[in-house]
Amino acid sequence: MSASLAIRPPDLTKMAARRRGNYPYDELASFIDGRKDIAAHGSREMPVWGERFAEELREDSQQERIIHGKVLMLLVYLESIQR
């Protein structure tokens, strides 16, 4: 699918390496949940996962915690594939 995107996506296995071995949880969380835009990429071709996860849930007091938990699972997975 990456070949069909207007801008080639970065290698997600090298995020920590590009930051001198530091895995940036907070920065990545803000990209994943949509709090921070990636101006250099133009329009978002990847979904804003915070919004997507919210669409799956009905309104209740646990919604925000569930969304944060799902974002955290993505962050832990991305950390596990760092080279």
Protein backbone atom coordinates (compact mmCIF):
# COMPACT_ATOMS: atom_id res chain seq x y z
CA MET A 1 0.00 0.00 0.00
CA SER A 2 2.88 2.43 0.66
CA ALA A 3 3.54 2.71 -3.07
CA SER A 4 0.09 4.26 -3.56
CA LEU A 5 0.70 7.06 -1.02
CA ALA A 6 1.74 10.51 -2.24
CA ILE A 7 4.54 10.66 0.35
CA ARG A 8 6.55 7.57 1.24
CA PRO A 9 5.94 6.61 4.88
CA PRO A 10 8.91 6.48 7.24
CA ASP A 11 10.40 3.17 8.38
CA LEU A 12 8.59 2.60 11.68
CA THR A 13 11.28 0.18 12.84
CA LYS A 14 13.83 3.02 12.97
CA MET A 15 12.00 5.71 14.95
CA ALA A 16 14.25 5.31 18.00
CA ALA A 17 17.40 5.12 15.86
CA ARG A 18 16.50 8.44 14.20
CA ARG A 19 16.33 9.92 17.72
CA ARG A 20 19.69 8.61 18.96
CA GLY A 21 18.14 5.53 20.56
CA ASN A 22 15.32 7.35 22.36
CA TYR A 23 11.80 6.08 21.77
CA PRO A 24 9.55 9.17 21.97
CA TYR A 25 6.34 7.88 23.62
CA ASP A 26 4.69 11.27 24.14
CA GLU A 27 5.51 12.59 20.68
CA LEU A 28 4.28 9.42 18.97
CA ALA A 29 1.13 9.32 21.11
CA SER A 30 0.25 12.86 20.01
CA PHE A 31 0.67 11.87 16.33
CA ILE A 32 -1.37 8.67 16.71
CA ASP A 33 -4.29 10.19 18.61
CA GLY A 34 -4.43 13.30 16.41
CA ARG A 35 -3.40 15.97 18.93
CA LYS A 36 -0.42 16.90 16.75
CA ASP A 37 -0.45 17.33 12.99
CA ILE A 38 2.49 16.40 10.82
CA ALA A 39 2.74 19.55 8.69
CA ALA A 40 5.46 18.19 6.41
CA HIS A 41 3.16 15.38 5.32
CA GLY A 42 0.35 17.60 4.04
CA SER A 43 -3.06 15.97 4.43
CA ARG A 44 -3.43 12.91 6.63
CA GLU A 45 -3.51 9.72 4.61
CA MET A 46 -3.29 7.64 7.79
CA PRO A 47 -6.28 7.66 10.12
CA VAL A 48 -6.29 9.66 13.33
CA TRP A 49 -6.57 6.70 15.67
CA GLY A 50 -7.92 8.63 18.66
CA GLU A 51 -10.92 9.62 16.52
CA ARG A 52 -11.29 6.13 15.03
CA PHE A 53 -11.26 4.47 18.43
CA ALA A 54 -13.81 7.00 19.71
CA GLU A 55 -16.17 6.12 16.84
CA GLU A 56 -16.23 2.50 18.04
CA LEU A 57 -17.40 3.38 21.53
CA ARG A 58 -20.67 4.63 22.84
CA GLU A 59 -20.69 7.58 25.23
CA ASP A 60 -19.68 6.54 28.74
CA SER A 61 -17.25 7.56 31.45
CA GLN A 62 -14.70 4.91 30.43
CA GLN A 63 -14.35 6.05 26.81
CA GLU A 64 -11.24 8.20 27.27
CA ARG A 65 -9.44 5.47 29.24
CA ILE A 66 -10.24 2.88 26.60
CA ILE A 67 -8.92 5.14 23.83
CA HIS A 68 -5.72 5.84 25.79
CA GLY A 69 -5.31 2.09 26.35
CA LYS A 70 -5.57 1.34 22.64
CA VAL A 71 -3.08 4.09 21.78
CA LEU A 72 -0.74 2.70 24.45
CA MET A 73 -0.98 -0.77 22.87
CA LEU A 74 0.08 0.72 19.52
CA LEU A 75 2.99 2.52 21.20
CA VAL A 76 4.17 -0.65 22.94
CA TYR A 77 3.97 -2.57 19.68
CA LEU A 78 5.92 0.09 17.80
CA GLU A 79 8.57 0.06 20.51
CA SER A 80 8.85 -3.72 20.21
CA ILE A 81 9.78 -3.52 16.50
CA GLN A 82 12.56 -0.94 16.90
CA ARG A 83 15.95 -1.94 15.46
